[in-house]
Every structure is written in structure tokens, then in C-alpha cells.
Amino acid sequence: MKEDLSKIKGQIEEITDLILKYDYEYYILNQPSVSDAEYDRLVAKLKKLEEEYPEFALPYSPTKRVGGKVQEGFD
């Protein structure tokens, strides 16, 4: 059981990092490397895991924020 929880914690960390990477590519670099459908699938999976295991949700999880950083040149 403890091994399973470790695996779930690792999944949450991995998905969180992937989403943050994809956010940076999309919002900052303007060069998305993943489809919207794949991105949405990952976000939904992360939300589900965080709901089931809130003790493993990271404080910087993309599910806990409203938006990303605004690119330079926008008012």
C-alpha cells in the first residue's frame, strides 16, 4: 500500500511538472508542443488525483491558480 501511495505521489509530481512545462511553452514561448486535447486530459487527470489524494497536491499545482504570466507587450 505504501508503494502505491509513493507511485501516486510521483504521478502527481510528474503531471504537475509536465503541465507547467506545457504552460511555459504555450504562454511564454508561443510554441506549444502538445495538443489542446492532451493538455486537457492531463489537467483532468491531475484534478482527479488531487481530489482523491489532497495530501499530495503541490502548493504550486496548476489547478490552484487562475492564469499564467502575461507576455511583454500586452497592457
PDB file of N, CA and C in Angstrom:
ATOM      1  N   MET A   1       0.832  -1.203   0.000  1.00  0.00           N
ATOM      2  CA  MET A   1       0.000   0.000   0.000  1.00  0.00           C
ATOM      3  C   MET A   1       0.864   1.249   0.000  1.00  0.00           C
ATOM      4  N   LYS A   2       1.921   1.247   0.802  1.00  0.00           N
ATOM      5  CA  LYS A   2       2.802   2.414   0.867  1.00  0.00           C
ATOM      6  C   LYS A   2       3.466   2.669  -0.486  1.00  0.00           C
ATOM      7  N   GLU A   3       3.810   1.579  -1.186  1.00  0.00           N
ATOM      8  CA  GLU A   3       4.407   1.697  -2.515  1.00  0.00           C
ATOM      9  C   GLU A   3       3.422   2.330  -3.490  1.00  0.00           C
ATOM     10  N   ASP A   4       2.143   1.954  -3.376  1.00  0.00           N
ATOM     11  CA  ASP A   4       1.115   2.532  -4.234  1.00  0.00           C
ATOM     12  C   ASP A   4       0.990   4.033  -4.009  1.00  0.00           C
ATOM     13  N   LEU A   5       1.028   4.454  -2.746  1.00  0.00           N
ATOM     14  CA  LEU A   5       0.930   5.883  -2.437  1.00  0.00           C
ATOM     15  C   LEU A   5       2.145   6.637  -2.973  1.00  0.00           C
ATOM     16  N   SER A   6       3.297   6.017  -2.910  1.00  0.00           N
ATOM     17  CA  SER A   6       4.504   6.633  -3.454  1.00  0.00           C
ATOM     18  C   SER A   6       4.376   6.809  -4.958  1.00  0.00           C
ATOM     19  N   LYS A   7       3.785   5.821  -5.610  1.00  0.00           N
ATOM     20  CA  LYS A   7       3.572   5.881  -7.060  1.00  0.00           C
ATOM     21  C   LYS A   7       2.597   7.012  -7.413  1.00  0.00           C
ATOM     22  N   ILE A   8       1.543   7.138  -6.631  1.00  0.00           N
ATOM     23  CA  ILE A   8       0.548   8.192  -6.871  1.00  0.00           C
ATOM     24  C   ILE A   8       1.173   9.567  -6.664  1.00  0.00           C
ATOM     25  N   LYS A   9       1.953   9.704  -5.597  1.00  0.00           N
ATOM     26  CA  LYS A   9       2.647  10.977  -5.348  1.00  0.00           C
ATOM     27  C   LYS A   9       3.559  11.314  -6.529  1.00  0.00           C
ATOM     28  N   GLY A  10       4.268  10.332  -7.032  1.00  0.00           N
ATOM     29  CA  GLY A  10       5.141  10.531  -8.181  1.00  0.00           C
ATOM     30  C   GLY A  10       4.376  10.928  -9.425  1.00  0.00           C
ATOM     31  N   GLN A  11       3.202  10.328  -9.636  1.00  0.00           N
ATOM     32  CA  GLN A  11       2.362  10.686 -10.782  1.00  0.00           C
ATOM     33  C   GLN A  11       1.928  12.148 -10.691  1.00  0.00           C
ATOM     34  N   ILE A  12       1.504  12.561  -9.507  1.00  0.00           N
ATOM     35  CA  ILE A  12       1.064  13.941  -9.313  1.00  0.00           C
ATOM     36  C   ILE A  12       2.211  14.906  -9.608  1.00  0.00           C
ATOM     37  N   GLU A  13       3.385  14.590  -9.117  1.00  0.00           N
ATOM     38  CA  GLU A  13       4.554  15.448  -9.361  1.00  0.00           C
ATOM     39  C   GLU A  13       4.892  15.496 -10.849  1.00  0.00           C
ATOM     40  N   GLU A  14       4.868  14.343 -11.499  1.00  0.00           N
ATOM     41  CA  GLU A  14       5.208  14.274 -12.922  1.00  0.00           C
ATOM     42  C   GLU A  14       4.206  15.042 -13.783  1.00  0.00           C
ATOM     43  N   ILE A  15       2.922  14.844 -13.521  1.00  0.00           N
ATOM     44  CA  ILE A  15       1.889  15.534 -14.302  1.00  0.00           C
ATOM     45  C   ILE A  15       1.950  17.033 -14.050  1.00  0.00           C
ATOM     46  N   THR A  16       2.157  17.431 -12.794  1.00  0.00           N
ATOM     47  CA  THR A  16       2.282  18.854 -12.472  1.00  0.00           C
ATOM     48  C   THR A  16       3.428  19.479 -13.257  1.00  0.00           C
ATOM     49  N   ASP A  17       4.582  18.826 -13.245  1.00  0.00           N
ATOM     50  CA  ASP A  17       5.743  19.350 -13.966  1.00  0.00           C
ATOM     51  C   ASP A  17       5.495  19.425 -15.475  1.00  0.00           C
ATOM     52  N   LEU A  18       4.834  18.421 -16.022  1.00  0.00           N
ATOM     53  CA  LEU A  18       4.523  18.441 -17.458  1.00  0.00           C
ATOM     54  C   LEU A  18       3.610  19.612 -17.810  1.00  0.00           C
ATOM     55  N   ILE A  19       2.566  19.798 -17.009  1.00  0.00           N
ATOM     56  CA  ILE A  19       1.625  20.891 -17.281  1.00  0.00           C
ATOM     57  C   ILE A  19       2.331  22.241 -17.184  1.00  0.00           C
ATOM     58  N   LEU A  20       3.179  22.412 -16.185  1.00  0.00           N
ATOM     59  CA  LEU A  20       3.917  23.679 -16.051  1.00  0.00           C
ATOM     60  C   LEU A  20       4.844  23.894 -17.255  1.00  0.00           C
ATOM     61  N   LYS A  21       5.468  22.828 -17.736  1.00  0.00           N
ATOM     62  CA  LYS A  21       6.318  22.913 -18.923  1.00  0.00           C
ATOM     63  C   LYS A  21       5.480  23.321 -20.137  1.00  0.00           C
ATOM     64  N   TYR A  22       4.326  22.683 -20.307  1.00  0.00           N
ATOM     65  CA  TYR A  22       3.454  22.997 -21.439  1.00  0.00           C
ATOM     66  C   TYR A  22       2.909  24.415 -21.347  1.00  0.00           C
ATOM     67  N   ASP A  23       2.610  24.876 -20.129  1.00  0.00           N
ATOM     68  CA  ASP A  23       2.165  26.263 -19.950  1.00  0.00           C
ATOM     69  C   ASP A  23       3.246  27.231 -20.406  1.00  0.00           C
ATOM     70  N   TYR A  24       4.477  26.966 -20.006  1.00  0.00           N
ATOM     71  CA  TYR A  24       5.596  27.835 -20.394  1.00  0.00           C
ATOM     72  C   TYR A  24       5.755  27.846 -21.912  1.00  0.00           C
ATOM     73  N   GLU A  25       5.719  26.694 -22.526  1.00  0.00           N
ATOM     74  CA  GLU A  25       5.861  26.626 -23.989  1.00  0.00           C
ATOM     75  C   GLU A  25       4.742  27.385 -24.696  1.00  0.00           C
ATOM     76  N   TYR A  26       3.534  27.276 -24.173  1.00  0.00           N
ATOM     77  CA  TYR A  26       2.371  27.897 -24.806  1.00  0.00           C
ATOM     78  C   TYR A  26       2.305  29.401 -24.550  1.00  0.00           C
ATOM     79  N   TYR A  27       2.410  29.786 -23.283  1.00  0.00           N
ATOM     80  CA  TYR A  27       2.186  31.184 -22.921  1.00  0.00           C
ATOM     81  C   TYR A  27       3.417  32.070 -23.061  1.00  0.00           C
ATOM     82  N   ILE A  28       4.591  31.553 -22.852  1.00  0.00           N
ATOM     83  CA  ILE A  28       5.799  32.368 -22.887  1.00  0.00           C
ATOM     84  C   ILE A  28       6.514  32.244 -24.224  1.00  0.00           C
ATOM     85  N   LEU A  29       6.741  31.004 -24.646  1.00  0.00           N
ATOM     86  CA  LEU A  29       7.473  30.797 -25.900  1.00  0.00           C
ATOM     87  C   LEU A  29       6.588  30.871 -27.137  1.00  0.00           C
ATOM     88  N   ASN A  30       5.273  30.755 -26.932  1.00  0.00           N
ATOM     89  CA  ASN A  30       4.324  30.717 -28.042  1.00  0.00           C
ATOM     90  C   ASN A  30       4.665  29.575 -29.002  1.00  0.00           C
ATOM     91  N   GLN A  31       5.083  28.439 -28.426  1.00  0.00           N
ATOM     92  CA  GLN A  31       5.458  27.262 -29.201  1.00  0.00           C
ATOM     93  C   GLN A  31       4.943  25.998 -28.508  1.00  0.00           C
ATOM     94  N   PRO A  32       3.632  25.776 -28.558  1.00  0.00           N
ATOM     95  CA  PRO A  32       3.090  24.600 -27.882  1.00  0.00           C
ATOM     96  C   PRO A  32       3.637  23.302 -28.479  1.00  0.00           C
ATOM     97  N   SER A  33       3.908  22.333 -27.615  1.00  0.00           N
ATOM     98  CA  SER A  33       4.430  21.053 -28.075  1.00  0.00           C
ATOM     99  C   SER A  33       3.442  19.908 -27.850  1.00  0.00           C
ATOM    100  N   VAL A  34       2.243  20.259 -27.411  1.00  0.00           N
ATOM    101  CA  VAL A  34       1.232  19.243 -27.122  1.00  0.00           C
ATOM    102  C   VAL A  34      -0.129  19.774 -27.576  1.00  0.00           C
ATOM    103  N   SER A  35      -0.997  18.869 -27.989  1.00  0.00           N
ATOM    104  CA  SER A  35      -2.330  19.286 -28.445  1.00  0.00           C
ATOM    105  C   SER A  35      -3.176  19.763 -27.257  1.00  0.00           C
ATOM    106  N   ASP A  36      -4.192  20.555 -27.568  1.00  0.00           N
ATOM    107  CA  ASP A  36      -5.114  21.012 -26.525  1.00  0.00           C
ATOM    108  C   ASP A  36      -5.800  19.821 -25.858  1.00  0.00           C
ATOM    109  N   ALA A  37      -6.125  18.811 -26.630  1.00  0.00           N
ATOM    110  CA  ALA A  37      -6.796  17.625 -26.079  1.00  0.00           C
ATOM    111  C   ALA A  37      -5.900  16.901 -25.076  1.00  0.00           C
ATOM    112  N   GLU A  38      -4.621  16.752 -25.404  1.00  0.00           N
ATOM    113  CA  GLU A  38      -3.684  16.090 -24.495  1.00  0.00           C
ATOM    114  C   GLU A  38      -3.491  16.926 -23.232  1.00  0.00           C
ATOM    115  N   TYR A  39      -3.375  18.235 -23.395  1.00  0.00           N
ATOM    116  CA  TYR A  39      -3.228  19.133 -22.249  1.00  0.00           C
ATOM    117  C   TYR A  39      -4.448  19.014 -21.327  1.00  0.00           C
ATOM    118  N   ASP A  40      -5.636  19.070 -21.917  1.00  0.00           N
ATOM    119  CA  ASP A  40      -6.869  18.969 -21.125  1.00  0.00           C
ATOM    120  C   ASP A  40      -6.966  17.621 -20.417  1.00  0.00           C
ATOM    121  N   ARG A  41      -6.509  16.557 -21.070  1.00  0.00           N
ATOM    122  CA  ARG A  41      -6.528  15.222 -20.464  1.00  0.00           C
ATOM    123  C   ARG A  41      -5.628  15.192 -19.226  1.00  0.00           C
ATOM    124  N   LEU A  42      -4.447  15.794 -19.344  1.00  0.00           N
ATOM    125  CA  LEU A  42      -3.520  15.834 -18.209  1.00  0.00           C
ATOM    126  C   LEU A  42      -4.079  16.653 -17.049  1.00  0.00           C
ATOM    127  N   VAL A  43      -4.675  17.793 -17.353  1.00  0.00           N
ATOM    128  CA  VAL A  43      -5.257  18.634 -16.299  1.00  0.00           C
ATOM    129  C   VAL A  43      -6.386  17.886 -15.590  1.00  0.00           C
ATOM    130  N   ALA A  44      -7.237  17.209 -16.356  1.00  0.00           N
ATOM    131  CA  ALA A  44      -8.334  16.450 -15.751  1.00  0.00           C
ATOM    132  C   ALA A  44      -7.799  15.322 -14.867  1.00  0.00           C
ATOM    133  N   LYS A  45      -6.759  14.644 -15.332  1.00  0.00           N
ATOM    134  CA  LYS A  45      -6.160  13.562 -14.541  1.00  0.00           C
ATOM    135  C   LYS A  45      -5.556  14.102 -13.252  1.00  0.00           C
ATOM    136  N   LEU A  46      -4.870  15.250 -13.350  1.00  0.00           N
ATOM    137  CA  LEU A  46      -4.279  15.854 -12.160  1.00  0.00           C
ATOM    138  C   LEU A  46      -5.361  16.261 -11.160  1.00  0.00           C
ATOM    139  N   LYS A  47      -6.434  16.878 -11.634  1.00  0.00           N
ATOM    140  CA  LYS A  47      -7.529  17.281 -10.748  1.00  0.00           C
ATOM    141  C   LYS A  47      -8.108  16.072 -10.024  1.00  0.00           C
ATOM    142  N   LYS A  48      -8.306  14.983 -10.761  1.00  0.00           N
ATOM    143  CA  LYS A  48      -8.869  13.769 -10.162  1.00  0.00           C
ATOM    144  C   LYS A  48      -7.936  13.210  -9.096  1.00  0.00           C
ATOM    145  N   LEU A  49      -6.652  13.127  -9.403  1.00  0.00           N
ATOM    146  CA  LEU A  49      -5.691  12.606  -8.434  1.00  0.00           C
ATOM    147  C   LEU A  49      -5.618  13.497  -7.189  1.00  0.00           C
ATOM    148  N   GLU A  50      -5.627  14.815  -7.388  1.00  0.00           N
ATOM    149  CA  GLU A  50      -5.568  15.741  -6.252  1.00  0.00           C
ATOM    150  C   GLU A  50      -6.830  15.677  -5.395  1.00  0.00           C
ATOM    151  N   GLU A  51      -7.969  15.414  -6.017  1.00  0.00           N
ATOM    152  CA  GLU A  51      -9.203  15.265  -5.246  1.00  0.00           C
ATOM    153  C   GLU A  51      -9.163  13.987  -4.408  1.00  0.00           C
ATOM    154  N   GLU A  52      -8.616  12.921  -4.975  1.00  0.00           N
ATOM    155  CA  GLU A  52      -8.547  11.647  -4.269  1.00  0.00           C
ATOM    156  C   GLU A  52      -7.430  11.626  -3.222  1.00  0.00           C
ATOM    157  N   TYR A  53      -6.348  12.357  -3.495  1.00  0.00           N
ATOM    158  CA  TYR A  53      -5.177  12.366  -2.612  1.00  0.00           C
ATOM    159  C   TYR A  53      -4.709  13.806  -2.367  1.00  0.00           C
ATOM    160  N   PRO A  54      -5.509  14.604  -1.668  1.00  0.00           N
ATOM    161  CA  PRO A  54      -5.171  16.019  -1.471  1.00  0.00           C
ATOM    162  C   PRO A  54      -3.862  16.232  -0.721  1.00  0.00           C
ATOM    163  N   GLU A  55      -3.434  15.249   0.047  1.00  0.00           N
ATOM    164  CA  GLU A  55      -2.185  15.374   0.790  1.00  0.00           C
ATOM    165  C   GLU A  55      -0.968  15.415  -0.132  1.00  0.00           C
ATOM    166  N   PHE A  56      -1.126  15.004  -1.383  1.00  0.00           N
ATOM    167  CA  PHE A  56      -0.017  15.001  -2.330  1.00  0.00           C
ATOM    168  C   PHE A  56      -0.060  16.178  -3.315  1.00  0.00           C
ATOM    169  N   ALA A  57      -1.114  16.989  -3.245  1.00  0.00           N
ATOM    170  CA  ALA A  57      -1.208  18.151  -4.137  1.00  0.00           C
ATOM    171  C   ALA A  57      -0.091  19.126  -3.802  1.00  0.00           C
ATOM    172  N   LEU A  58       0.582  19.591  -4.816  1.00  0.00           N
ATOM    173  CA  LEU A  58       1.702  20.507  -4.619  1.00  0.00           C
ATOM    174  C   LEU A  58       1.199  21.935  -4.473  1.00  0.00           C
ATOM    175  N   PRO A  59       1.862  22.753  -3.661  1.00  0.00           N
ATOM    176  CA  PRO A  59       1.396  24.132  -3.457  1.00  0.00           C
ATOM    177  C   PRO A  59       1.413  24.964  -4.735  1.00  0.00           C
ATOM    178  N   TYR A  60       2.247  24.589  -5.690  1.00  0.00           N
ATOM    179  CA  TYR A  60       2.336  25.325  -6.955  1.00  0.00           C
ATOM    180  C   TYR A  60       1.590  24.621  -8.091  1.00  0.00           C
ATOM    181  N   SER A  61       0.673  23.732  -7.733  1.00  0.00           N
ATOM    182  CA  SER A  61      -0.080  22.989  -8.734  1.00  0.00           C
ATOM    183  C   SER A  61      -0.821  23.944  -9.668  1.00  0.00           C
ATOM    184  N   PRO A  62      -0.835  23.624 -10.960  1.00  0.00           N
ATOM    185  CA  PRO A  62      -1.575  24.470 -11.912  1.00  0.00           C
ATOM    186  C   PRO A  62      -3.083  24.469 -11.655  1.00  0.00           C
ATOM    187  N   THR A  63      -3.573  23.537 -10.856  1.00  0.00           N
ATOM    188  CA  THR A  63      -5.001  23.533 -10.532  1.00  0.00           C
ATOM    189  C   THR A  63      -5.341  24.568  -9.467  1.00  0.00           C
ATOM    190  N   LYS A  64      -4.326  25.189  -8.876  1.00  0.00           N
ATOM    191  CA  LYS A  64      -4.534  26.154  -7.797  1.00  0.00           C
ATOM    192  C   LYS A  64      -4.358  27.605  -8.237  1.00  0.00           C
ATOM    193  N   ARG A  65      -4.197  27.819  -9.530  1.00  0.00           N
ATOM    194  CA  ARG A  65      -4.003  29.203  -9.989  1.00  0.00           C
ATOM    195  C   ARG A  65      -4.956  29.515 -11.125  1.00  0.00           C
ATOM    196  N   VAL A  66      -5.133  30.805 -11.344  1.00  0.00           N
ATOM    197  CA  VAL A  66      -6.109  31.251 -12.332  1.00  0.00           C
ATOM    198  C   VAL A  66      -5.492  31.364 -13.716  1.00  0.00           C
ATOM    199  N   GLY A  67      -4.316  31.939 -13.833  1.00  0.00           N
ATOM    200  CA  GLY A  67      -3.730  32.124 -15.152  1.00  0.00           C
ATOM    201  C   GLY A  67      -2.237  32.154 -15.093  1.00  0.00           C
ATOM    202  N   GLY A  68      -1.645  32.384 -16.246  1.00  0.00           N
ATOM    203  CA  GLY A  68      -0.195  32.429 -16.335  1.00  0.00           C
ATOM    204  C   GLY A  68       0.315  33.845 -16.402  1.00  0.00           C
ATOM    205  N   LYS A  69       1.595  33.975 -16.612  1.00  0.00           N
ATOM    206  CA  LYS A  69       2.256  35.266 -16.724  1.00  0.00           C
ATOM    207  C   LYS A  69       1.924  35.892 -18.072  1.00  0.00           C
ATOM    208  N   VAL A  70       1.696  37.196 -18.089  1.00  0.00           N
ATOM    209  CA  VAL A  70       1.373  37.913 -19.316  1.00  0.00           C
ATOM    210  C   VAL A  70       2.667  38.245 -20.043  1.00  0.00           C
ATOM    211  N   GLN A  71       2.669  37.980 -21.355  1.00  0.00           N
ATOM    212  CA  GLN A  71       3.850  38.278 -22.145  1.00  0.00           C
ATOM    213  C   GLN A  71       4.074  39.781 -22.231  1.00  0.00           C
ATOM    214  N   GLU A  72       5.336  40.163 -22.405  1.00  0.00           N
ATOM    215  CA  GLU A  72       5.672  41.576 -22.574  1.00  0.00           C
ATOM    216  C   GLU A  72       4.982  42.087 -23.839  1.00  0.00           C
ATOM    217  N   GLY A  73       4.612  43.347 -23.808  1.00  0.00           N
ATOM    218  CA  GLY A  73       3.954  43.951 -24.958  1.00  0.00           C
ATOM    219  C   GLY A  73       2.449  44.048 -24.787  1.00  0.00           C
ATOM    220  N   PHE A  74       1.895  43.375 -23.788  1.00  0.00           N
ATOM    221  CA  PHE A  74       0.462  43.465 -23.510  1.00  0.00           C
ATOM    222  C   PHE A  74       0.223  44.455 -22.387  1.00  0.00           C
ATOM    223  N   ASP A  75      -0.833  45.246 -22.518  1.00  0.00           N
ATOM    224  CA  ASP A  75      -1.214  46.186 -21.466  1.00  0.00           C
ATOM    225  C   ASP A  75      -1.919  45.489 -20.341  1.00  0.00           C
TER     226      ASP A  75
END
